[in-house]
């Protein structure tokens, strides 16, 4: 049976220096890449607003209202690690009637 790793993260807010935010995402990416389990789930509060898609590479993004700087950085992380934004999945589950 494939293994599962769950990463729980809380990203710095916009009041933190850009260097601290970058260090957070570098550490998260390092842990993500060094973990060799089959399934990986990253949950937490990323203090991010991710707005509508702007390019075809942003396949992980659902249409929302606006972006913020944390949303930009989270989007970069998602594209770099080739992961999926969780709200994308939750929207699909709600539409199909699966209870949260």
N, C-alpha and C. Protein backbone atom coordinates (compact mmCIF):
# COMPACT_ATOMS: atom_id res chain seq x y z
N UNK A 1 0.85 -1.18 0.00
CA UNK A 1 0.00 0.00 0.00
C UNK A 1 0.90 1.25 0.00
N UNK A 2 0.62 2.21 -0.86
CA UNK A 2 1.42 3.44 -0.90
C UNK A 2 1.31 4.22 0.41
N UNK A 3 2.38 4.87 0.77
CA UNK A 3 2.42 5.66 1.99
C UNK A 3 1.87 7.07 1.74
N UNK A 4 1.53 7.72 2.83
CA UNK A 4 1.00 9.09 2.78
C UNK A 4 1.77 9.95 3.77
N UNK A 5 2.19 11.12 3.33
CA UNK A 5 2.80 12.11 4.21
C UNK A 5 1.92 13.35 4.20
N UNK A 6 1.64 13.87 5.38
CA UNK A 6 0.87 15.10 5.50
C UNK A 6 1.78 16.18 6.07
N UNK A 7 1.94 17.26 5.33
CA UNK A 7 2.70 18.42 5.78
C UNK A 7 1.70 19.46 6.27
N UNK A 8 1.91 19.98 7.46
CA UNK A 8 1.06 21.05 7.99
C UNK A 8 1.91 22.31 8.06
N UNK A 9 1.44 23.37 7.42
CA UNK A 9 2.25 24.58 7.31
C UNK A 9 1.42 25.82 7.61
N UNK A 10 2.08 26.81 8.15
CA UNK A 10 1.48 28.12 8.36
C UNK A 10 2.44 29.16 7.81
N UNK A 11 2.09 29.76 6.70
CA UNK A 11 2.98 30.71 6.02
C UNK A 11 2.99 32.05 6.75
N UNK A 12 4.10 32.75 6.66
CA UNK A 12 4.16 34.10 7.24
C UNK A 12 3.13 35.03 6.57
N UNK A 13 2.64 35.97 7.33
CA UNK A 13 1.68 36.93 6.79
C UNK A 13 2.41 38.03 6.02
N UNK A 14 1.65 38.94 5.46
CA UNK A 14 2.24 40.02 4.66
C UNK A 14 3.06 40.99 5.51
N UNK A 15 2.94 40.92 6.82
CA UNK A 15 3.73 41.82 7.67
C UNK A 15 5.18 41.35 7.83
N UNK A 16 5.49 40.13 7.39
CA UNK A 16 6.85 39.61 7.48
C UNK A 16 7.69 40.09 6.31
N UNK A 17 9.01 40.10 6.51
CA UNK A 17 9.93 40.45 5.44
C UNK A 17 9.85 39.43 4.32
N UNK A 18 10.11 39.88 3.10
CA UNK A 18 10.09 38.99 1.94
C UNK A 18 11.09 37.85 2.10
N UNK A 19 12.22 38.12 2.74
CA UNK A 19 13.23 37.07 2.96
C UNK A 19 12.69 35.94 3.83
N UNK A 20 11.87 36.28 4.83
CA UNK A 20 11.30 35.25 5.70
C UNK A 20 10.26 34.42 4.95
N UNK A 21 9.48 35.06 4.11
CA UNK A 21 8.50 34.34 3.30
C UNK A 21 9.23 33.40 2.34
N UNK A 22 10.27 33.89 1.70
CA UNK A 22 11.04 33.07 0.77
C UNK A 22 11.68 31.89 1.49
N UNK A 23 12.20 32.11 2.70
CA UNK A 23 12.81 31.03 3.48
C UNK A 23 11.77 29.96 3.82
N UNK A 24 10.55 30.39 4.15
CA UNK A 24 9.47 29.44 4.43
C UNK A 24 9.22 28.53 3.23
N UNK A 25 9.06 29.13 2.04
CA UNK A 25 8.77 28.33 0.85
C UNK A 25 9.96 27.47 0.43
N UNK A 26 11.17 27.95 0.64
CA UNK A 26 12.34 27.13 0.33
C UNK A 26 12.40 25.90 1.24
N UNK A 27 12.13 26.11 2.54
CA UNK A 27 12.10 24.97 3.47
C UNK A 27 10.99 23.99 3.11
N UNK A 28 9.81 24.52 2.81
CA UNK A 28 8.68 23.65 2.46
C UNK A 28 9.00 22.84 1.21
N UNK A 29 9.57 23.48 0.20
CA UNK A 29 9.93 22.77 -1.03
C UNK A 29 11.00 21.70 -0.75
N UNK A 30 11.96 22.03 0.10
CA UNK A 30 13.01 21.06 0.45
C UNK A 30 12.39 19.83 1.12
N UNK A 31 11.53 20.04 2.12
CA UNK A 31 10.88 18.92 2.80
C UNK A 31 10.04 18.11 1.81
N UNK A 32 9.33 18.82 0.93
CA UNK A 32 8.47 18.15 -0.05
C UNK A 32 9.30 17.27 -0.98
N UNK A 33 10.40 17.78 -1.48
CA UNK A 33 11.23 17.02 -2.43
C UNK A 33 12.01 15.89 -1.76
N UNK A 34 12.40 16.07 -0.50
CA UNK A 34 13.17 15.04 0.19
C UNK A 34 12.31 13.89 0.68
N UNK A 35 11.01 14.10 0.77
CA UNK A 35 10.09 13.04 1.19
C UNK A 35 9.77 12.16 -0.01
N UNK A 36 9.93 10.86 0.15
CA UNK A 36 9.75 9.97 -0.98
C UNK A 36 8.51 9.09 -0.87
N UNK A 37 7.52 9.51 -0.09
CA UNK A 37 6.28 8.76 -0.03
C UNK A 37 5.49 8.96 -1.32
N UNK A 38 4.58 8.04 -1.58
CA UNK A 38 3.82 8.06 -2.83
C UNK A 38 2.83 9.22 -2.87
N UNK A 39 2.09 9.41 -1.78
CA UNK A 39 1.11 10.49 -1.70
C UNK A 39 1.59 11.54 -0.71
N UNK A 40 1.44 12.81 -1.10
CA UNK A 40 1.81 13.92 -0.23
C UNK A 40 0.66 14.92 -0.20
N UNK A 41 0.33 15.36 1.00
CA UNK A 41 -0.71 16.36 1.17
C UNK A 41 -0.12 17.50 1.99
N UNK A 42 -0.29 18.71 1.50
CA UNK A 42 0.16 19.90 2.23
C UNK A 42 -1.08 20.67 2.63
N UNK A 43 -1.27 20.85 3.93
CA UNK A 43 -2.42 21.60 4.43
C UNK A 43 -1.91 22.74 5.30
N UNK A 44 -2.71 23.77 5.40
CA UNK A 44 -2.33 24.87 6.28
C UNK A 44 -2.92 26.18 5.82
N UNK A 45 -2.45 27.22 6.46
CA UNK A 45 -2.88 28.57 6.13
C UNK A 45 -1.73 29.26 5.42
N UNK A 46 -1.91 29.55 4.15
CA UNK A 46 -0.85 30.17 3.36
C UNK A 46 -1.05 31.67 3.22
N UNK A 47 -2.08 32.21 3.89
CA UNK A 47 -2.34 33.66 3.85
C UNK A 47 -2.33 34.17 2.41
N UNK A 48 -2.90 33.39 1.52
CA UNK A 48 -2.80 33.68 0.09
C UNK A 48 -4.17 33.87 -0.55
N UNK A 49 -4.21 34.80 -1.47
CA UNK A 49 -5.38 34.98 -2.33
C UNK A 49 -4.90 34.70 -3.75
N UNK A 50 -5.52 33.72 -4.38
CA UNK A 50 -5.14 33.36 -5.74
C UNK A 50 -6.31 33.69 -6.65
N UNK A 51 -6.10 34.58 -7.57
CA UNK A 51 -7.15 35.05 -8.46
C UNK A 51 -7.28 34.21 -9.71
N UNK A 52 -7.85 34.78 -10.76
CA UNK A 52 -8.09 34.03 -12.00
C UNK A 52 -6.79 33.64 -12.70
N UNK A 53 -6.87 32.59 -13.50
CA UNK A 53 -5.72 32.15 -14.29
C UNK A 53 -5.26 33.27 -15.21
N UNK A 54 -3.94 33.36 -15.37
CA UNK A 54 -3.37 34.35 -16.28
C UNK A 54 -2.63 33.70 -17.43
N UNK A 55 -2.18 32.45 -17.21
CA UNK A 55 -1.46 31.72 -18.26
C UNK A 55 -1.93 30.27 -18.26
N UNK A 56 -1.65 29.56 -19.34
CA UNK A 56 -2.05 28.15 -19.42
C UNK A 56 -1.27 27.29 -18.44
N UNK A 57 -0.10 27.75 -17.97
CA UNK A 57 0.69 26.98 -17.00
C UNK A 57 0.03 26.95 -15.63
N UNK A 58 -0.88 27.87 -15.38
CA UNK A 58 -1.53 27.96 -14.07
C UNK A 58 -2.77 27.07 -14.03
N UNK A 59 -2.59 25.82 -14.39
CA UNK A 59 -3.72 24.88 -14.43
C UNK A 59 -4.28 24.58 -13.05
N UNK A 60 -3.50 24.79 -12.01
CA UNK A 60 -3.91 24.48 -10.65
C UNK A 60 -4.86 25.52 -10.07
N UNK A 61 -5.13 26.57 -10.78
CA UNK A 61 -5.85 27.71 -10.22
C UNK A 61 -7.31 27.72 -10.65
N UNK A 62 -8.17 27.92 -9.68
CA UNK A 62 -9.59 28.15 -9.95
C UNK A 62 -9.80 29.66 -10.03
N UNK A 63 -10.87 30.08 -10.64
CA UNK A 63 -11.16 31.50 -10.75
C UNK A 63 -11.65 32.04 -9.41
N UNK A 64 -10.93 32.99 -8.87
CA UNK A 64 -11.31 33.70 -7.66
C UNK A 64 -11.24 35.18 -7.95
N UNK A 65 -11.42 36.00 -6.95
CA UNK A 65 -11.54 37.43 -7.20
C UNK A 65 -10.23 38.17 -7.39
N UNK A 66 -9.22 37.88 -6.60
CA UNK A 66 -8.02 38.71 -6.63
C UNK A 66 -6.79 37.92 -6.20
N UNK A 67 -5.64 38.54 -6.43
CA UNK A 67 -4.34 38.00 -6.02
C UNK A 67 -3.78 38.87 -4.91
N UNK A 68 -2.90 38.27 -4.07
CA UNK A 68 -2.04 39.06 -3.21
C UNK A 68 -0.62 38.50 -3.34
N UNK A 69 0.35 39.13 -2.69
CA UNK A 69 1.74 38.69 -2.84
C UNK A 69 1.93 37.24 -2.39
N UNK A 70 1.25 36.86 -1.31
CA UNK A 70 1.36 35.48 -0.84
C UNK A 70 0.76 34.52 -1.86
N UNK A 71 -0.29 34.96 -2.55
CA UNK A 71 -0.88 34.14 -3.61
C UNK A 71 0.09 33.92 -4.76
N UNK A 72 0.83 34.96 -5.09
CA UNK A 72 1.85 34.85 -6.15
C UNK A 72 2.89 33.80 -5.76
N UNK A 73 3.36 33.88 -4.51
CA UNK A 73 4.41 32.95 -4.07
C UNK A 73 3.87 31.53 -3.96
N UNK A 74 2.64 31.37 -3.47
CA UNK A 74 2.04 30.04 -3.40
C UNK A 74 1.87 29.46 -4.80
N UNK A 75 1.46 30.27 -5.75
CA UNK A 75 1.31 29.81 -7.13
C UNK A 75 2.65 29.33 -7.69
N UNK A 76 3.72 30.06 -7.41
CA UNK A 76 5.06 29.64 -7.85
C UNK A 76 5.42 28.28 -7.25
N UNK A 77 5.14 28.12 -5.95
CA UNK A 77 5.43 26.85 -5.28
C UNK A 77 4.64 25.70 -5.92
N UNK A 78 3.37 25.93 -6.17
CA UNK A 78 2.52 24.90 -6.76
C UNK A 78 3.03 24.49 -8.14
N UNK A 79 3.40 25.46 -8.96
CA UNK A 79 3.90 25.13 -10.29
C UNK A 79 5.26 24.44 -10.23
N UNK A 80 6.13 24.87 -9.31
CA UNK A 80 7.45 24.27 -9.18
C UNK A 80 7.37 22.82 -8.74
N UNK A 81 6.49 22.53 -7.79
CA UNK A 81 6.37 21.18 -7.25
C UNK A 81 5.35 20.33 -8.00
N UNK A 82 4.67 20.92 -8.97
CA UNK A 82 3.65 20.23 -9.77
C UNK A 82 2.58 19.61 -8.88
N UNK A 83 2.10 20.41 -7.94
CA UNK A 83 1.03 19.98 -7.04
C UNK A 83 -0.28 20.62 -7.47
N UNK A 84 -1.34 20.37 -6.72
CA UNK A 84 -2.67 20.88 -7.05
C UNK A 84 -3.17 21.71 -5.88
N UNK A 85 -3.73 22.86 -6.19
CA UNK A 85 -4.32 23.74 -5.18
C UNK A 85 -5.56 23.05 -4.61
N UNK A 86 -5.61 22.89 -3.29
CA UNK A 86 -6.67 22.13 -2.63
C UNK A 86 -8.07 22.61 -2.87
N UNK A 87 -8.29 23.91 -2.97
CA UNK A 87 -9.64 24.39 -3.20
C UNK A 87 -10.18 23.86 -4.52
N UNK A 88 -9.30 23.60 -5.45
CA UNK A 88 -9.71 23.04 -6.73
C UNK A 88 -10.42 21.71 -6.50
N UNK A 89 -9.85 20.90 -5.64
CA UNK A 89 -10.43 19.60 -5.34
C UNK A 89 -11.71 19.76 -4.54
N UNK A 90 -11.73 20.62 -3.53
CA UNK A 90 -12.90 20.80 -2.70
C UNK A 90 -14.10 21.27 -3.51
N UNK A 91 -13.88 22.16 -4.46
CA UNK A 91 -14.98 22.62 -5.30
C UNK A 91 -15.57 21.44 -6.04
N UNK A 92 -14.74 20.58 -6.58
CA UNK A 92 -15.23 19.40 -7.28
C UNK A 92 -16.00 18.47 -6.37
N UNK A 93 -15.55 18.32 -5.13
CA UNK A 93 -16.24 17.45 -4.19
C UNK A 93 -17.60 18.01 -3.81
N UNK A 94 -17.66 19.31 -3.63
CA UNK A 94 -18.93 19.93 -3.27
C UNK A 94 -19.93 19.79 -4.42
N UNK A 95 -19.47 20.02 -5.63
CA UNK A 95 -20.35 19.93 -6.80
C UNK A 95 -20.91 18.52 -6.95
N UNK A 96 -20.09 17.51 -6.66
CA UNK A 96 -20.55 16.13 -6.83
C UNK A 96 -21.34 15.63 -5.62
N UNK A 97 -21.49 16.47 -4.61
CA UNK A 97 -22.31 16.09 -3.47
C UNK A 97 -21.57 15.37 -2.36
N UNK A 98 -20.26 15.30 -2.42
CA UNK A 98 -19.51 14.66 -1.35
C UNK A 98 -19.45 15.60 -0.17
N UNK A 99 -19.77 15.09 1.01
CA UNK A 99 -19.77 15.92 2.21
C UNK A 99 -18.35 16.21 2.65
N UNK A 100 -18.11 17.41 3.13
CA UNK A 100 -16.76 17.76 3.63
C UNK A 100 -16.58 17.13 4.95
